[in-house]
Amino acid sequence: MRKKINLEKMNTFTIFNTITLTIFFLLSLTIKAYSQSEKSFLKHPSWSFNKTIYEVNLRQYSKSGTFKGFEKRLPELKKMGVGILWLMPINPIGVKNRKGKLGSYYSVQNYLAVDPDYGTINEFKELVKKIHSMGMYVILDWVADHTSWDNVWTKEHPDFYRKDSLGNFVPPVKDWTDVIALNYKNKTLWKYMTDAMEFWVTDCDVDGFRCDVADMVPTPFWDQARAKLDKIKPVFMLAEAEKPGLQVKAFDMTYSWKFYSLMNNIAKGKKNSGDLIKYFKWDDSTFPANDFRMRFTTNHDENSWNGTVFERLGKAAPTFAALTFAVKGMPLIYSGQEAGLNKRLKFFSRDPIDWKKSKFRELYTKLVHLKLNNKALWCGTEGGKMMMVPSSNEKSVYSFIREKDNDKVFVVFNLSAKPVDVKFNSDLIKGNYLDLFANKSTALTSSENLNLKPWGFKFFVKK
């Protein structure tokens, strides 16, 4: 015999549950909205989404190693199409405990001055004006974690520094003997450092900063600095770090060290295309869609200390250069890569780049201009997502489509030292394209066979 149901109690229970679930649902929406607002707090400069960044090593760029020497080569960079010029530190370099004849660029003696070896502050301002007149932007390398042993603050504000038990200045890392660590527990330091950054934006009109070892400085410092800089004008901030939290409020872009290491290992045959698929699953789950990620095959540190792109990547150097433009993110070109830079530039002395003719200039020029004008390859949510296209050889071949609005690019990379015949069977690839590097029109059906040379690649651009 069934129990008699108490409708009154049931209705009360039902109403209570309904109210509880409604409150829980609304609370979850609020938390989600808060989380999303945190992720989207940072607003990238409107001009940054389709840019390629170019690292300028002033000391080695010209025979004179000066602002004027670099300025003469600006037309070449403009022709290549690069949009953001990152200048390695231009501040005076410390003399006390310096390494080598000229010292490290990252041993800053005075945050409010320029190294006289490069020229004068007025010559720098003229350089910035020239860069802007050519439609390009300039960011300065900023060293906020440490200074030289003879920085002006060591006498004026010794309390800005970390000290050992005996009250002596200490390096931030044991091997960095030419610099000493700053102490960010001192909030007065925050003001002085931020004021110095504001100086370069207000007085010299720079467009942002590349921040050295950014994750060694407290993130809240960067957050407040970015907010103050943006009140002057929208700035672009690059962190030398791979830490997602830095891109919530402070930085537009972070380094993709894991991607860089993976390319090196693929070139050596230790990893393959399948590892790239795994990598981007990690990247997608770790960094929000609108975060910019910097893709590079080299930079000043890697070139000087770990070898040239040819030492590390060999015959695959052009392949991985092209890959940095195809995947989501912003590609970096280091000084001299367009000239096929094939030597480790000395770090503590003069070692001018040999500006010889090279096939890399044409390669980079095509890729930079493609990114400039094709929304599918833009950064963040302004660009297209990477949609993998299955093939008959997914161990060697890495292939995907990116599409945004009316733009579409289908790319295929042979990431092996052997020629491959690969088959595709996907409606995703069907359409009329420009085969970019063959410079010819081609129509692809849903079923296609391609032959790729060792380390060969194809860019099919929708017509």
Protein backbone atom coordinates (compact mmCIF):
# COMPACT_ATOMS: atom_id res chain seq x y z
CA MET A 1 0.00 0.00 0.00
CA ARG A 2 1.49 3.34 -1.04
CA LYS A 3 1.99 6.12 1.47
CA LYS A 4 -0.28 9.09 1.22
CA ILE A 5 1.68 11.99 -0.26
CA ASN A 6 1.74 15.23 1.71
CA LEU A 7 1.31 17.79 -1.09
CA GLU A 8 1.88 20.71 1.21
CA LYS A 9 5.30 19.40 2.32
CA MET A 10 6.20 18.43 -1.24
CA ASN A 11 5.36 21.88 -2.59
CA THR A 12 7.42 23.53 0.14
CA PHE A 13 10.35 21.22 -0.59
CA THR A 14 10.04 21.80 -4.35
CA ILE A 15 9.90 25.57 -3.94
CA PHE A 16 12.95 25.48 -1.63
CA ASN A 17 14.93 23.40 -4.13
CA THR A 18 13.91 25.63 -7.02
CA ILE A 19 15.03 28.76 -5.17
CA THR A 20 18.31 27.09 -4.14
CA LEU A 21 19.05 25.94 -7.70
CA THR A 22 18.19 29.36 -9.08
CA ILE A 23 20.53 31.09 -6.63
CA PHE A 24 23.29 28.58 -7.43
CA PHE A 25 22.76 29.10 -11.19
CA LEU A 26 22.86 32.89 -10.89
CA LEU A 27 25.93 32.69 -8.67
CA SER A 28 27.71 30.47 -11.19
CA LEU A 29 26.89 32.93 -13.97
CA THR A 30 28.26 35.78 -11.86
CA ILE A 31 31.48 33.87 -11.16
CA LYS A 32 31.83 32.98 -14.84
CA ALA A 33 31.21 36.57 -15.91
CA TYR A 34 33.74 37.79 -13.33
CA SER A 35 36.29 35.26 -14.57
CA GLN A 36 35.73 36.28 -18.19
CA SER A 37 35.99 39.96 -17.32
CA GLU A 38 39.30 39.24 -15.59
CA LYS A 39 40.60 37.49 -18.70
CA SER A 40 39.41 40.23 -21.02
CA PHE A 41 40.40 43.14 -18.78
CA LEU A 42 43.39 43.92 -20.98
CA LYS A 43 42.64 45.72 -24.22
CA HIS A 44 45.25 45.23 -26.92
CA PRO A 45 46.19 48.31 -28.99
CA SER A 46 43.98 48.34 -32.08
CA TRP A 47 47.05 48.44 -34.33
CA SER A 48 48.71 45.30 -32.92
CA PHE A 49 46.65 42.33 -34.19
CA ASN A 50 48.28 41.88 -37.61
CA LYS A 51 51.85 42.80 -36.78
CA THR A 52 55.18 41.01 -36.95
CA ILE A 53 57.69 41.98 -34.25
CA TYR A 54 61.35 42.59 -35.08
CA GLU A 55 64.12 42.57 -32.46
CA VAL A 56 66.77 45.25 -33.01
CA ASN A 57 70.28 44.61 -31.65
CA LEU A 58 71.58 48.19 -32.00
CA ARG A 59 75.15 47.35 -30.99
CA GLN A 60 75.52 44.89 -33.87
CA TYR A 61 73.09 46.33 -36.41
CA SER A 62 75.43 48.67 -38.26
CA LYS A 63 79.15 49.40 -38.48
CA SER A 64 78.67 52.41 -36.21
CA GLY A 65 76.32 50.63 -33.79
CA THR A 66 74.33 53.83 -33.30
CA PHE A 67 70.79 55.20 -33.59
CA LYS A 68 71.80 56.93 -36.83
CA GLY A 69 73.33 53.75 -38.22
CA PHE A 70 70.12 51.86 -37.58
CA GLU A 71 67.93 54.66 -38.93
CA LYS A 72 69.54 54.27 -42.36
CA ARG A 73 68.18 50.73 -42.60
CA LEU A 74 64.58 51.58 -41.70
CA PRO A 75 63.43 51.61 -45.38
CA GLU A 76 64.43 47.92 -45.66
CA LEU A 77 62.33 47.03 -42.61
CA LYS A 78 59.43 49.05 -43.94
CA LYS A 79 59.66 47.22 -47.28
CA MET A 80 59.73 43.88 -45.49
CA GLY A 81 56.53 44.95 -43.72
CA VAL A 82 57.46 44.51 -40.04
CA GLY A 83 55.26 46.51 -37.68
CA ILE A 84 56.77 46.52 -34.18
CA LEU A 85 60.45 47.28 -33.62
CA TRP A 86 61.72 45.99 -30.27
CA LEU A 87 64.93 47.79 -29.39
CA MET A 88 67.21 45.96 -26.99
CA PRO A 89 68.14 48.12 -23.94
CA ILE A 90 69.43 51.56 -24.88
CA ASN A 91 70.35 52.71 -21.36
CA PRO A 92 73.93 53.35 -20.19
CA ILE A 93 75.68 50.12 -19.15
CA GLY A 94 77.33 49.70 -15.76
CA VAL A 95 81.13 49.75 -15.48
CA LYS A 96 81.56 48.14 -12.05
CA ASN A 97 81.81 44.34 -12.35
CA ARG A 98 80.87 44.50 -16.04
CA LYS A 99 81.32 41.45 -18.24
CA GLY A 100 83.52 41.78 -21.31
CA LYS A 101 84.70 44.99 -22.92
CA LEU A 102 81.33 46.67 -23.39
CA GLY A 103 79.22 44.88 -20.79
CA SER A 104 75.73 43.44 -20.96
CA TYR A 105 72.86 45.43 -22.42
CA TYR A 106 70.88 44.27 -19.38
CA SER A 107 73.13 45.93 -16.78
CA VAL A 108 71.36 49.29 -16.51
CA GLN A 109 73.24 52.21 -14.98
CA ASN A 110 70.55 54.89 -15.41
CA TYR A 111 66.90 54.32 -16.38
CA LEU A 112 66.44 57.92 -17.59
CA ALA A 113 69.37 58.16 -20.03
CA VAL A 114 70.70 56.61 -23.23
CA ASP A 115 74.05 54.91 -23.74
CA PRO A 116 76.35 57.53 -25.36
CA ASP A 117 77.74 54.75 -27.58
CA TYR A 118 74.35 54.78 -29.34
CA GLY A 119 73.97 58.55 -29.57
CA THR A 120 71.99 61.22 -27.74
CA ILE A 121 68.49 61.31 -26.32
CA ASN A 122 67.51 63.76 -29.06
CA GLU A 123 68.80 61.38 -31.73
CA PHE A 124 66.68 58.66 -30.16
CA LYS A 125 63.60 60.90 -30.25
CA GLU A 126 64.28 61.60 -33.91
CA LEU A 127 64.55 57.86 -34.55
CA VAL A 128 61.17 57.25 -32.90
CA LYS A 129 59.59 60.02 -35.01
CA LYS A 130 61.07 58.47 -38.15
CA ILE A 131 59.75 55.02 -37.22
CA HIS A 132 56.27 56.44 -36.60
CA SER A 133 56.31 58.39 -39.87
CA MET A 134 56.85 55.07 -41.68
CA GLY A 135 53.83 53.47 -40.02
CA MET A 136 55.81 51.31 -37.59
CA TYR A 137 55.83 51.17 -33.79
CA VAL A 138 58.68 50.94 -31.29
CA ILE A 139 58.96 49.25 -27.91
CA LEU A 140 61.93 49.42 -25.52
CA ASP A 141 63.57 46.54 -23.71
CA TRP A 142 63.00 47.21 -19.98
CA VAL A 143 65.05 45.65 -17.18
CA ALA A 144 63.01 45.97 -13.98
CA ASP A 145 64.40 43.05 -11.95
CA HIS A 146 67.96 44.28 -11.46
CA THR A 147 70.46 47.07 -12.16
CA SER A 148 74.20 47.48 -12.55
CA TRP A 149 76.34 47.70 -9.40
CA ASP A 150 76.89 51.40 -10.09
CA ASN A 151 73.33 52.40 -10.94
CA VAL A 152 72.48 55.89 -9.66
CA TRP A 153 69.98 54.32 -7.23
CA THR A 154 72.71 52.42 -5.34
CA LYS A 155 73.77 55.71 -3.74
CA GLU A 156 70.50 57.65 -3.80
CA HIS A 157 68.19 54.76 -2.78
CA PRO A 158 70.16 51.78 -1.43
CA ASP A 159 66.92 50.62 0.20
CA PHE A 160 65.65 49.72 -3.28
CA TYR A 161 67.93 46.66 -3.31
CA ARG A 162 67.96 43.19 -1.83
CA LYS A 163 70.85 42.53 0.55
CA ASP A 164 72.49 39.58 2.27
CA SER A 165 72.80 39.13 6.04
CA LEU A 166 75.81 41.46 6.06
CA GLY A 167 73.99 44.22 4.22
CA ASN A 168 75.74 43.68 0.86
CA PHE A 169 74.03 43.91 -2.53
CA VAL A 170 73.35 40.52 -4.14
CA PRO A 171 72.86 39.29 -7.74
CA PRO A 172 69.38 37.97 -8.59
CA VAL A 173 71.00 34.80 -9.97
CA LYS A 174 74.42 33.52 -8.87
CA ASP A 175 75.92 33.67 -12.37
CA TRP A 176 74.66 37.22 -13.04
CA THR A 177 77.65 38.77 -11.33
CA ASP A 178 77.42 42.08 -13.22
CA VAL A 179 74.01 43.03 -11.79
CA ILE A 180 72.26 43.33 -8.41
CA ALA A 181 68.68 42.49 -7.45
CA LEU A 182 65.97 45.04 -6.72
CA ASN A 183 63.64 44.65 -3.75
CA TYR A 184 59.97 44.98 -4.71
CA LYS A 185 58.84 44.79 -1.11
CA ASN A 186 59.74 48.49 -1.12
CA LYS A 187 56.70 50.24 -2.63
CA THR A 188 58.67 53.46 -3.21
CA LEU A 189 60.66 51.48 -5.78
CA TRP A 190 57.38 50.77 -7.59
CA LYS A 191 56.79 54.50 -8.02
CA TYR A 192 60.33 55.27 -9.22
CA MET A 193 60.34 52.38 -11.69
CA THR A 194 56.90 53.25 -13.06
CA ASP A 195 57.82 56.94 -13.33
CA ALA A 196 60.89 55.95 -15.37
CA MET A 197 58.75 53.90 -17.76
CA GLU A 198 56.28 56.78 -18.08
CA PHE A 199 59.18 59.09 -19.02
CA TRP A 200 59.95 57.10 -22.17
CA VAL A 201 56.31 57.12 -23.22
CA THR A 202 55.65 60.81 -22.51
CA ASP A 203 58.99 62.34 -23.48
CA CYS A 204 60.10 59.98 -26.25
CA ASP A 205 56.74 58.67 -27.48
CA VAL A 206 57.66 54.96 -27.39
CA ASP A 207 54.76 52.55 -27.83
CA GLY A 208 55.46 50.07 -25.05
CA PHE A 209 58.02 47.74 -23.54
CA ARG A 210 59.52 44.27 -23.77
CA CYS A 211 60.08 43.38 -20.11
CA ASP A 212 63.11 41.31 -19.22
CA VAL A 213 62.56 38.28 -16.92
CA ALA A 214 59.06 39.60 -16.24
CA ASP A 215 58.06 36.72 -13.96
CA MET A 216 60.91 37.57 -11.57
CA VAL A 217 59.10 40.83 -10.76
CA PRO A 218 55.79 40.76 -8.81
CA THR A 219 52.82 40.68 -11.20
CA PRO A 220 50.92 43.39 -9.24
CA PHE A 221 53.76 45.80 -10.08
CA TRP A 222 53.25 45.19 -13.80
CA ASP A 223 49.47 45.47 -13.42
CA GLN A 224 49.64 48.95 -11.91
CA ALA A 225 52.37 50.07 -14.33
CA ARG A 226 50.31 49.03 -17.37
CA ALA A 227 47.26 50.88 -16.06
CA LYS A 228 49.27 54.09 -15.67
CA LEU A 229 50.96 53.78 -19.07
CA ASP A 230 47.63 53.20 -20.83
CA LYS A 231 46.38 56.51 -19.43
CA ILE A 232 49.10 58.21 -21.49
CA LYS A 233 48.35 56.20 -24.65
CA PRO A 234 47.56 52.58 -25.54
CA VAL A 235 50.83 50.68 -25.14
CA PHE A 236 52.00 47.22 -26.20
CA MET A 237 53.66 45.08 -23.53
CA LEU A 238 55.71 41.91 -24.10
CA ALA A 239 56.76 39.71 -21.16
CA GLU A 240 59.86 37.56 -21.31
CA ALA A 241 57.97 34.79 -19.54
CA GLU A 242 55.49 31.99 -20.19
CA LYS A 243 53.08 32.63 -17.32
CA PRO A 244 49.33 32.99 -18.10
CA GLY A 245 48.55 35.33 -15.18
CA LEU A 246 50.78 38.02 -16.64
CA GLN A 247 48.31 38.53 -19.49
CA VAL A 248 45.28 39.28 -17.32
CA LYS A 249 46.03 42.97 -16.77
CA ALA A 250 49.65 43.74 -17.68
CA PHE A 251 50.95 42.09 -20.85
CA ASP A 252 49.67 41.70 -24.40
CA MET A 253 52.10 38.93 -25.25
CA THR A 254 54.24 36.25 -23.63
CA TYR A 255 57.06 34.04 -24.93
CA SER A 256 56.27 30.54 -26.21
CA TRP A 257 59.38 28.75 -24.94
CA LYS A 258 57.79 25.30 -25.15
CA PHE A 259 56.97 25.82 -28.83
CA TYR A 260 60.54 26.97 -29.48
CA SER A 261 62.01 23.89 -27.76
CA LEU A 262 59.62 21.60 -29.60
CA MET A 263 60.73 22.97 -32.98
CA ASN A 264 64.37 22.29 -32.04
CA ASN A 265 63.51 18.71 -31.07
CA ILE A 266 61.49 18.08 -34.24
CA ALA A 267 64.45 19.27 -36.32
CA LYS A 268 66.65 16.75 -34.48
CA GLY A 269 64.15 13.94 -35.08
CA LYS A 270 63.34 13.60 -31.37
CA LYS A 271 59.74 14.83 -31.76
CA ASN A 272 57.23 14.89 -34.63
CA SER A 273 54.04 16.44 -35.93
CA GLY A 274 51.93 14.59 -33.36
CA ASP A 275 53.77 16.41 -30.59
CA LEU A 276 52.78 19.73 -32.14
CA ILE A 277 49.13 18.69 -31.97
CA LYS A 278 49.56 17.89 -28.27
CA TYR A 279 51.38 21.17 -27.71
CA PHE A 280 48.59 23.33 -29.12
CA LYS A 281 46.01 21.48 -27.04
CA TRP A 282 48.07 22.52 -24.01
CA ASP A 283 48.49 26.07 -25.32
CA ASP A 284 44.75 26.41 -26.00
CA SER A 285 43.82 25.17 -22.52
CA THR A 286 46.46 27.28 -20.75
CA PHE A 287 46.15 30.67 -22.45
CA PRO A 288 42.83 32.43 -23.21
CA ALA A 289 41.95 32.85 -26.89
CA ASN A 290 42.72 36.58 -26.93
CA ASP A 291 46.21 36.23 -25.42
CA PHE A 292 49.04 36.97 -27.87
CA ARG A 293 51.83 34.38 -27.93
CA MET A 294 55.22 35.21 -29.45
CA ARG A 295 56.57 32.59 -31.88
CA PHE A 296 60.30 32.60 -32.66
CA THR A 297 63.13 30.47 -33.99
CA THR A 298 65.78 32.63 -32.31
CA ASN A 299 66.41 35.82 -30.34
CA HIS A 300 69.44 37.58 -28.82
CA ASP A 301 69.91 35.00 -26.04
CA GLU A 302 69.37 31.91 -28.18
CA ASN A 303 71.63 33.17 -30.96
CA SER A 304 74.53 34.11 -28.70
CA TRP A 305 74.41 31.28 -26.18
CA ASN A 306 72.63 28.28 -27.76
CA GLY A 307 73.56 28.53 -31.43
CA THR A 308 72.35 29.95 -34.71
CA VAL A 309 69.13 28.72 -36.31
CA PHE A 310 71.30 26.67 -38.67
CA GLU A 311 73.14 24.99 -35.81
CA ARG A 312 69.84 24.06 -34.14
CA LEU A 313 67.43 23.63 -37.06
CA GLY A 314 69.73 22.86 -39.98
CA LYS A 315 67.95 22.59 -43.34
CA ALA A 316 64.63 23.00 -41.55
CA ALA A 317 65.34 26.65 -40.67
CA PRO A 318 63.09 28.07 -43.44
CA THR A 319 60.35 25.57 -42.54
CA PHE A 320 60.14 26.60 -38.92
CA ALA A 321 60.41 30.28 -39.83
CA ALA A 322 57.29 29.79 -41.96
CA LEU A 323 55.58 27.80 -39.20
CA THR A 324 55.90 30.75 -36.79
CA PHE A 325 53.78 32.78 -39.20
CA ALA A 326 51.17 30.10 -39.80
CA VAL A 327 50.26 29.17 -36.21
CA LYS A 328 48.29 31.45 -33.90
CA GLY A 329 50.35 34.22 -32.30
CA MET A 330 52.83 36.89 -33.39
CA PRO A 331 56.06 35.92 -35.18
CA LEU A 332 59.42 37.40 -34.20
CA ILE A 333 62.32 38.13 -36.53
CA TYR A 334 65.71 38.75 -34.89
CA SER A 335 68.26 41.18 -36.34
CA GLY A 336 69.97 39.65 -39.34
CA GLN A 337 67.67 36.67 -39.85
CA GLU A 338 66.51 38.16 -43.14
CA ALA A 339 70.19 38.13 -44.19
CA GLY A 340 70.59 34.47 -43.23
CA LEU A 341 72.48 35.29 -40.00
CA ASN A 342 74.80 32.33 -39.54
CA LYS A 343 77.03 33.32 -36.64
CA ARG A 344 76.63 33.66 -32.91
CA LEU A 345 76.76 37.40 -32.28
CA LYS A 346 79.11 38.31 -29.45
CA PHE A 347 77.21 39.50 -26.39
CA PHE A 348 79.71 41.74 -24.61
CA SER A 349 81.57 43.31 -27.54
CA ARG A 350 81.03 44.70 -31.03
CA ASP A 351 80.26 42.09 -33.69
CA PRO A 352 78.44 43.75 -36.63
CA ILE A 353 75.94 41.77 -38.71
CA ASP A 354 76.97 40.87 -42.25
CA TRP A 355 74.09 42.20 -44.37
CA LYS A 356 74.47 39.80 -47.27
CA LYS A 357 71.83 38.81 -49.80
CA SER A 358 69.74 35.86 -48.71
CA LYS A 359 66.64 33.90 -49.72
CA PHE A 360 65.36 34.55 -46.21
CA ARG A 361 64.59 38.18 -47.02
CA GLU A 362 62.13 37.13 -49.74
CA LEU A 363 60.69 34.42 -47.47
CA TYR A 364 60.09 36.81 -44.60
CA THR A 365 58.75 39.55 -46.85
CA LYS A 366 56.09 37.25 -48.30
CA LEU A 367 55.11 35.93 -44.89
CA VAL A 368 55.01 39.33 -43.18
CA HIS A 369 52.81 40.85 -45.89
CA LEU A 370 50.52 37.82 -45.86
CA LYS A 371 49.99 38.24 -42.13
CA LEU A 372 49.43 41.97 -42.52
CA ASN A 373 46.61 41.56 -45.02
CA ASN A 374 45.03 38.20 -44.20
CA LYS A 375 42.76 38.22 -41.14
CA ALA A 376 42.96 34.45 -40.83
CA LEU A 377 46.54 34.88 -39.54
CA TRP A 378 45.91 37.77 -37.15
CA CYS A 379 46.49 37.48 -33.40
CA GLY A 380 44.01 36.69 -30.66
CA THR A 381 40.30 36.57 -31.37
CA GLU A 382 40.81 38.83 -34.40
CA GLY A 383 42.43 35.88 -36.18
CA GLY A 384 41.18 32.45 -37.20
CA LYS A 385 41.38 29.36 -35.03
CA MET A 386 43.65 26.50 -36.06
CA MET A 387 41.49 23.67 -37.46
CA MET A 388 43.51 20.51 -37.99
CA VAL A 389 43.14 18.79 -41.37
CA PRO A 390 43.67 15.02 -41.13
CA SER A 391 46.12 13.44 -43.52
CA SER A 392 47.49 10.01 -44.40
CA ASN A 393 50.77 10.80 -42.61
CA GLU A 394 50.14 12.61 -39.37
CA LYS A 395 53.52 11.64 -37.93
CA SER A 396 55.42 13.69 -40.51
CA VAL A 397 52.82 16.11 -41.89
CA TYR A 398 51.34 18.99 -39.92
CA SER A 399 48.37 20.55 -41.70
CA PHE A 400 45.62 22.93 -40.67
CA ILE A 401 43.29 25.66 -41.83
CA ARG A 402 42.79 29.11 -40.37
CA GLU A 403 39.76 31.12 -41.48
CA LYS A 404 38.34 34.51 -40.51
CA ASP A 405 35.61 36.47 -42.31
CA ASN A 406 36.43 36.07 -46.02
CA ASP A 407 40.06 35.07 -45.48
CA LYS A 408 41.28 31.49 -45.39
CA VAL A 409 44.70 29.81 -45.38
CA PHE A 410 45.43 26.09 -45.70
CA VAL A 411 49.00 25.18 -44.71
CA VAL A 412 50.86 21.89 -45.04
CA PHE A 413 54.28 21.20 -43.47
CA ASN A 414 56.51 18.19 -43.96
CA LEU A 415 58.28 18.11 -40.60
CA SER A 416 60.75 15.42 -41.57
CA ALA A 417 64.03 15.06 -43.44
CA LYS A 418 62.46 12.70 -46.00
CA PRO A 419 60.16 13.43 -48.95
CA VAL A 420 56.54 12.50 -48.36
CA ASP A 421 53.46 11.73 -50.45
CA VAL A 422 50.43 12.70 -48.43
CA LYS A 423 46.72 12.31 -49.05
CA PHE A 424 43.93 14.54 -47.80
CA ASN A 425 40.24 13.72 -47.77
CA SER A 426 38.35 16.65 -46.23
CA ASP A 427 35.73 19.15 -47.36
CA LEU A 428 37.64 21.75 -45.33
CA ILE A 429 40.26 22.15 -48.05
CA LYS A 430 37.95 22.45 -51.05
CA GLY A 431 38.26 25.77 -52.91
CA ASN A 432 40.27 28.05 -55.17
CA TYR A 433 43.64 29.18 -53.82
CA LEU A 434 46.88 30.96 -54.55
CA ASP A 435 49.81 28.64 -53.95
CA LEU A 436 51.85 31.40 -52.29
CA PHE A 437 55.41 30.24 -52.83
CA ALA A 438 54.79 28.69 -56.24
CA ASN A 439 52.93 31.91 -57.12
CA LYS A 440 50.22 30.15 -59.09
CA SER A 441 46.48 29.59 -58.85
CA THR A 442 45.27 26.16 -57.88
CA ALA A 443 41.91 24.51 -57.23
CA LEU A 444 41.72 21.93 -54.46
CA THR A 445 39.03 19.30 -54.23
CA SER A 446 37.96 17.43 -51.11
CA SER A 447 40.40 14.68 -52.04
CA GLU A 448 43.99 15.71 -52.81
CA ASN A 449 47.45 14.15 -53.06
CA LEU A 450 50.52 16.29 -52.39
CA ASN A 451 54.20 15.57 -52.73
CA LEU A 452 56.46 17.46 -50.34
CA LYS A 453 60.24 17.65 -50.37
CA PRO A 454 62.18 17.12 -47.12
CA TRP A 455 61.09 19.96 -44.79
CA GLY A 456 58.84 21.24 -47.58
CA PHE A 457 55.76 23.38 -46.94
CA LYS A 458 52.78 24.85 -48.75
CA PHE A 459 50.67 27.94 -48.10
CA PHE A 460 47.36 27.85 -49.96
CA VAL A 461 45.68 31.25 -49.69
CA LYS A 462 41.99 31.55 -50.56
CA LYS A 463 41.42 33.68 -53.65
